Each structure stands twice: as C-alpha cells, then as structure tokens.
Amino acid sequence: MRKWMPFLAAFYMIFHLGPDTFAQGVGPPRSPCGPIFPSDASLEWDCYRVKKGETPETLFGEYWEAVLRFNRIDRRHVWPGKYLKTPRDLNAALNFNPMPQALERAASNKKYILIDLAGQFLGAYEWGKLQFALPIASGRGYSTPKGIFRVLARDRYHRSSLYTIQGTSIPYPMYWGIHFYTSKKGVRFWIHSRDIPGYPASHGCIGLYDEEMQRQFYGSPQDPKLNDAKRLYLWLFPDGESDEKPIAYQKDAPVIPIEII
C-alpha cells in the first residue's frame, strides 16, 4: 500500500483540491496537462504530448489559435514534451468562452472589465454585454489583488521598473499597459502584454498575448498574429494607437471599472 501513496496523493491533488488550487498556484502546474480550470469541463478533451517537429499549426491546422486559447498558452511555450489539452471537437473549441455573456452589475457602464483568476480569463463588456473574452496569465500564488478597481493610467510602451527579461538587463516590456492599482508599498499593478505559459506566472499583474513583442525581444514567433493586449487597449482607448507617452487619469475622469474575482 505504501508504494502507492505518492500516486494516490497526486491523484487527490489533481482531481479533488479544485481548480483554484492551480489557478492561484505558485509556479508550473503539477498535472502533466497543466492546470484544470473550471470551464475546461465544457469541452471533452485529451491530454496530448507534443512531439519533436510538431507545432500548434501542424497539429491543429486552422484551429491552432482556439486550442492555445483553451490552454491559456502562447506558441513560444509549446515545445517537444509539452502536454496540451486537446479538445476532441475542434469546432466546439472555436466557441470556447468561460465568461458570462451578460453581466447585470455592469449594465450601467459603457465599458467594464471582469477578470476571473480561477478561470484565467478576462471579459470585456459594454453596457453589461460581453464583447470578447481573452486568456490571461495572472500572479503566482495570491499576488494579484481581488476587488473592484478603475483605470488609473495607460502607457502603450510601458516597461517594468523592477524586473528584466530573464538573462538580460533589458527592462521587461509591459506594452499596451493599463494601470489599475497601486499597493500600500507603492507597487503598481497593470494589465499588459507578456508571455502566456498556461498558468499564473506574473508577480501580480495581468498578462495578455502580444506576439509582436515576443518577436521583438525573443525572436519568435516569426509570424506574430496574436495581440490581445493591443486589442483590449484600443477597445478601451480607441485613440490609443498614437500614444507616445503615459497618460494619467484624474480622479474626476470617467470611471472604467476593472473587477477581479
């Protein structure tokens, strides 16, 4: 019996502790196929191990983006030996969306952002109706604050003042940045572009796809297509394409709520 105890413990961790254990985890997932999020149950899927020479495009064809969004992962983090949750019905994966279609508490707001940490997804709402939903990478552990916040500033070319790109002295790029909270210690929290590895990985900020940034600083992918950070930024600020400097919002500016649950 004793020799089976490690395996039974692993089984318990994966299937009984619940999705919040992983969504709020402190690093790479313990399950081979990554964190099991609550909404994953909406699709039937298998755990597939990527082989040498395989890419999301060769594996899933026109459905590669839908599969990556379901896994909350970007192309740079799909390598040989990586496990992916592979929906059995790829057409159904195209419509995968874990965010509510209607949000009554946002009905009086022209624009409203809802971020679900347990599900690792963000929803963008207009007058309470969902316009689009995006996968995220939030903070490790419980480093991302919960509550209702507001847009405090925006910065298309924001860079971290605390962290650098691993192995370099280059300040970490946090492009298309949306500042929503400052801690008592003066640490600012943003929604911004970053790597999306399939699990919570930041120091507390909310990260979104930006393959253009990845090609610039990491050299891949060569054909950037996903840029959710830009999409959200320009949805909030339609004139933001021309932003050259940070823009702070005064206390009397229209409130753009950002709710994190």
Protein backbone atom coordinates (compact mmCIF):
# COMPACT_ATOMS: atom_id res chain seq x y z
CA MET A 1 0.00 0.00 0.00
CA ARG A 2 2.81 2.41 0.90
CA LYS A 3 4.33 2.33 -2.58
CA TRP A 4 1.02 3.60 -3.99
CA MET A 5 0.74 6.52 -1.59
CA PRO A 6 2.63 9.07 -3.82
CA PHE A 7 0.38 8.23 -6.73
CA LEU A 8 -2.77 8.46 -4.63
CA ALA A 9 -1.62 11.82 -3.29
CA ALA A 10 -1.03 13.09 -6.83
CA PHE A 11 -4.49 11.85 -7.85
CA TYR A 12 -6.01 13.73 -4.92
CA MET A 13 -4.15 16.92 -5.78
CA ILE A 14 -5.29 16.90 -9.39
CA PHE A 15 -8.91 15.86 -9.01
CA HIS A 16 -10.03 16.86 -5.52
CA LEU A 17 -8.38 20.09 -4.46
CA GLY A 18 -10.23 22.01 -7.12
CA PRO A 19 -9.32 24.48 -9.86
CA ASP A 20 -8.49 27.32 -7.53
CA THR A 21 -5.53 25.31 -6.25
CA PHE A 22 -3.98 25.55 -9.70
CA ALA A 23 -5.29 28.90 -10.86
CA GLN A 24 -3.77 30.52 -7.80
CA GLY A 25 -0.71 28.25 -7.84
CA VAL A 26 2.87 29.27 -7.27
CA GLY A 27 4.57 28.11 -10.45
CA PRO A 28 4.41 25.48 -13.17
CA PRO A 29 1.47 23.07 -12.85
CA ARG A 30 1.87 19.67 -11.18
CA SER A 31 -0.53 17.92 -13.56
CA PRO A 32 1.13 16.78 -16.85
CA CYS A 33 -1.56 18.52 -18.89
CA GLY A 34 -1.49 21.73 -16.91
CA PRO A 35 -3.99 23.33 -14.53
CA ILE A 36 -7.55 22.07 -14.68
CA PHE A 37 -9.75 25.17 -14.82
CA PRO A 38 -13.49 25.09 -14.01
CA SER A 39 -14.55 25.84 -17.59
CA ASP A 40 -12.42 23.03 -19.03
CA ALA A 41 -15.34 20.72 -18.30
CA SER A 42 -17.37 22.45 -21.03
CA LEU A 43 -15.34 20.55 -23.66
CA GLU A 44 -14.26 16.94 -23.90
CA TRP A 45 -10.51 16.79 -24.30
CA ASP A 46 -7.48 14.53 -24.22
CA CYS A 47 -4.02 15.16 -22.87
CA TYR A 48 -1.54 15.17 -25.76
CA ARG A 49 2.25 15.28 -25.53
CA VAL A 50 3.86 17.37 -28.28
CA LYS A 51 6.46 15.52 -30.34
CA LYS A 52 9.63 16.85 -31.93
CA GLY A 53 8.91 18.88 -35.04
CA GLU A 54 5.26 19.44 -34.16
CA THR A 55 3.78 22.92 -33.78
CA PRO A 56 0.30 24.16 -32.93
CA GLU A 57 -0.21 24.85 -36.64
CA THR A 58 0.82 21.36 -37.78
CA LEU A 59 -1.16 19.70 -35.00
CA PHE A 60 -4.40 21.64 -35.22
CA GLY A 61 -4.37 23.47 -38.56
CA GLU A 62 -6.85 26.30 -38.68
CA TYR A 63 -7.86 25.53 -35.08
CA TRP A 64 -4.44 26.18 -33.53
CA GLU A 65 -5.43 29.52 -32.02
CA ALA A 66 -8.58 28.10 -30.45
CA VAL A 67 -6.61 25.25 -28.87
CA LEU A 68 -3.99 27.61 -27.45
CA ARG A 69 -6.65 29.89 -26.00
CA PHE A 70 -8.28 26.87 -24.39
CA ASN A 71 -4.89 26.03 -22.83
CA ARG A 72 -4.18 29.68 -21.88
CA ILE A 73 -0.78 29.35 -23.53
CA ASP A 74 1.21 31.02 -26.31
CA ARG A 75 3.17 29.45 -29.17
CA ARG A 76 6.57 30.10 -27.57
CA HIS A 77 5.67 27.79 -24.69
CA VAL A 78 4.69 24.83 -26.87
CA TRP A 79 7.81 22.66 -27.24
CA PRO A 80 8.57 18.93 -27.60
CA GLY A 81 7.42 17.12 -24.48
CA LYS A 82 4.85 19.78 -23.60
CA TYR A 83 1.38 18.49 -22.77
CA LEU A 84 -1.66 20.21 -24.23
CA LYS A 85 -5.34 19.78 -23.50
CA THR A 86 -6.66 18.83 -26.95
CA PRO A 87 -10.42 19.27 -27.47
CA ARG A 88 -11.98 16.28 -29.19
CA ASP A 89 -14.31 18.58 -31.12
CA LEU A 90 -12.14 21.34 -32.57
CA ASN A 91 -15.16 23.17 -33.96
CA ALA A 92 -16.55 23.44 -30.45
CA ALA A 93 -13.20 24.86 -29.31
CA LEU A 94 -13.74 27.81 -31.65
CA ASN A 95 -16.66 28.89 -29.48
CA PHE A 96 -14.96 28.27 -26.13
CA ASN A 97 -15.72 31.15 -23.79
CA PRO A 98 -15.78 30.79 -20.00
CA MET A 99 -17.02 34.32 -19.32
CA PRO A 100 -20.73 35.15 -18.78
CA GLN A 101 -22.46 36.59 -21.83
CA ALA A 102 -24.32 39.11 -19.69
CA LEU A 103 -23.17 40.86 -16.53
CA GLU A 104 -26.03 42.62 -14.78
CA ARG A 105 -23.81 44.63 -12.44
CA ALA A 106 -22.06 46.13 -15.46
CA ALA A 107 -25.24 47.12 -17.29
CA SER A 108 -24.86 50.82 -16.44
CA ASN A 109 -21.24 51.01 -17.61
CA LYS A 110 -20.23 51.82 -21.16
CA LYS A 111 -17.17 49.65 -20.65
CA TYR A 112 -16.38 47.18 -17.89
CA ILE A 113 -13.63 44.58 -17.44
CA LEU A 114 -14.16 41.37 -15.49
CA ILE A 115 -11.15 39.17 -14.68
CA ASP A 116 -11.65 35.64 -13.39
CA LEU A 117 -8.48 34.41 -11.67
CA ALA A 118 -9.76 30.87 -11.14
CA GLY A 119 -10.56 30.58 -14.84
CA GLN A 120 -7.58 32.64 -16.07
CA PHE A 121 -9.76 34.65 -18.45
CA LEU A 122 -10.81 38.27 -18.96
CA GLY A 123 -14.13 39.54 -20.29
CA ALA A 124 -14.72 42.94 -21.92
CA TYR A 125 -18.26 44.28 -21.52
CA GLU A 126 -20.28 47.13 -22.98
CA TRP A 127 -23.45 48.01 -21.10
CA GLY A 128 -23.29 44.58 -19.47
CA LYS A 129 -22.95 42.54 -22.66
CA LEU A 130 -19.80 40.56 -23.41
CA GLN A 131 -17.87 41.85 -26.43
CA PHE A 132 -14.91 39.45 -26.29
CA ALA A 133 -13.01 37.20 -23.88
CA LEU A 134 -9.24 36.70 -23.59
CA PRO A 135 -6.96 34.22 -21.78
CA ILE A 136 -4.62 35.71 -19.19
CA ALA A 137 -1.63 34.91 -17.00
CA SER A 138 -2.18 36.39 -13.55
CA GLY A 139 0.10 36.46 -10.49
CA ARG A 140 1.67 33.47 -8.83
CA GLY A 141 0.19 32.50 -5.50
CA TYR A 142 -2.22 35.20 -4.37
CA SER A 143 -0.19 38.14 -5.64
CA THR A 144 -2.95 39.53 -7.87
CA PRO A 145 -5.35 41.66 -5.81
CA LYS A 146 -9.08 41.00 -5.90
CA GLY A 147 -11.77 43.65 -5.82
CA ILE A 148 -13.15 46.44 -7.97
CA PHE A 149 -10.60 48.88 -9.35
CA ARG A 150 -10.54 51.54 -12.05
CA VAL A 151 -8.26 52.64 -14.86
CA LEU A 152 -5.66 54.96 -13.33
CA ALA A 153 -3.34 55.39 -16.30
CA ARG A 154 -2.36 53.95 -19.65
CA ASP A 155 1.02 53.52 -21.29
CA ARG A 156 1.45 51.94 -24.70
CA TYR A 157 5.22 51.49 -24.25
CA HIS A 158 5.38 50.75 -20.53
CA ARG A 159 8.45 48.93 -19.16
CA SER A 160 8.91 47.35 -15.75
CA SER A 161 10.96 49.31 -13.23
CA LEU A 162 11.51 46.16 -11.13
CA TYR A 163 12.06 43.22 -13.47
CA THR A 164 14.13 42.44 -16.56
CA ILE A 165 13.91 39.92 -19.37
CA GLN A 166 15.47 36.76 -17.99
CA GLY A 167 19.21 36.62 -18.57
CA THR A 168 19.45 40.25 -19.68
CA SER A 169 19.45 43.76 -18.24
CA ILE A 170 16.55 44.80 -20.51
CA PRO A 171 13.56 46.11 -18.51
CA TYR A 172 10.66 43.73 -19.04
CA PRO A 173 8.31 45.11 -21.72
CA MET A 174 4.77 45.70 -20.47
CA TYR A 175 3.39 47.17 -23.67
CA TRP A 176 -0.22 48.32 -24.05
CA GLY A 177 -0.23 48.84 -20.28
CA ILE A 178 -3.35 49.66 -18.26
CA HIS A 179 -2.61 50.70 -14.66
CA PHE A 180 -5.41 49.78 -12.24
CA TYR A 181 -3.97 49.59 -8.71
CA THR A 182 -1.11 50.81 -6.51
CA SER A 183 -0.32 48.89 -3.32
CA LYS A 184 0.44 50.48 0.05
CA LYS A 185 4.11 49.80 -0.68
CA GLY A 186 3.86 51.76 -3.92
CA VAL A 187 3.90 48.75 -6.26
CA ARG A 188 1.81 49.42 -9.36
CA PHE A 189 -0.30 46.70 -10.96
CA TRP A 190 -1.05 46.63 -14.68
CA ILE A 191 -2.85 44.75 -17.40
CA HIS A 192 -0.21 44.40 -20.12
CA SER A 193 1.49 42.23 -22.73
CA ARG A 194 3.65 39.33 -21.54
CA ASP A 195 4.44 35.63 -22.00
CA ILE A 196 1.42 33.36 -21.51
CA PRO A 197 2.70 29.96 -20.31
CA GLY A 198 -0.61 28.27 -19.45
CA TYR A 199 -0.65 29.02 -15.72
CA PRO A 200 -0.32 32.01 -13.33
CA ALA A 201 3.23 33.28 -13.78
CA SER A 202 3.46 37.01 -13.09
CA HIS A 203 4.36 38.98 -9.96
CA GLY A 204 0.76 40.16 -9.70
CA CYS A 205 -0.07 41.90 -12.96
CA ILE A 206 -2.47 40.57 -15.59
CA GLY A 207 -0.72 39.42 -18.77
CA LEU A 208 -2.17 39.14 -22.28
CA TYR A 209 -0.91 37.80 -25.62
CA ASP A 210 1.48 40.03 -27.58
CA GLU A 211 3.37 38.06 -30.23
CA GLU A 212 4.75 41.24 -31.78
CA MET A 213 6.53 41.98 -28.50
CA GLN A 214 7.76 38.39 -28.30
CA ARG A 215 9.26 38.51 -31.77
CA GLN A 216 10.98 41.80 -30.96
CA PHE A 217 12.61 40.59 -27.73
CA TYR A 218 12.73 36.80 -28.10
CA GLY A 219 12.93 36.35 -31.87
CA SER A 220 9.78 34.24 -32.16
CA PRO A 221 7.21 33.65 -33.41
CA GLN A 222 8.33 34.87 -36.81
CA ASP A 223 4.74 35.48 -37.90
CA PRO A 224 3.11 37.32 -34.97
CA LYS A 225 -0.67 37.06 -35.11
CA LEU A 226 -1.99 37.24 -31.55
CA ASN A 227 -2.05 40.59 -29.79
CA ASP A 228 -4.78 40.61 -27.16
CA ALA A 229 -3.01 43.33 -25.17
CA LYS A 230 -3.35 45.73 -28.09
CA ARG A 231 -6.94 44.66 -28.73
CA LEU A 232 -8.00 45.42 -25.16
CA TYR A 233 -6.06 48.69 -25.06
CA LEU A 234 -7.63 50.02 -28.26
CA TRP A 235 -11.07 48.83 -27.19
CA LEU A 236 -10.74 50.94 -24.06
CA PHE A 237 -8.93 53.82 -25.77
CA PRO A 238 -9.82 53.98 -29.49
CA ASP A 239 -7.35 56.85 -29.95
CA GLY A 240 -4.55 54.94 -28.20
CA GLU A 241 -2.71 53.83 -31.34
CA SER A 242 -0.97 57.20 -31.43
CA ASP A 243 0.03 57.23 -27.73
CA GLU A 244 3.69 58.12 -27.31
CA LYS A 245 3.78 58.95 -23.59
CA PRO A 246 1.99 57.68 -20.47
CA ILE A 247 -1.41 59.22 -19.81
CA ALA A 248 -2.66 59.53 -16.24
CA TYR A 249 -6.36 59.70 -15.43
CA GLN A 250 -7.55 62.31 -12.97
CA LYS A 251 -9.88 61.41 -10.13
CA ASP A 252 -12.76 63.16 -11.87
CA ALA A 253 -12.25 61.23 -15.13
CA PRO A 254 -15.00 58.80 -16.22
CA VAL A 255 -14.69 55.57 -14.26
CA ILE A 256 -13.72 52.45 -16.20
CA PRO A 257 -14.25 49.60 -13.69
CA ILE A 258 -11.91 46.60 -13.56
CA GLU A 259 -13.31 43.82 -11.39
CA ILE A 260 -11.07 40.94 -10.33
CA ILE A 261 -12.66 37.89 -8.74
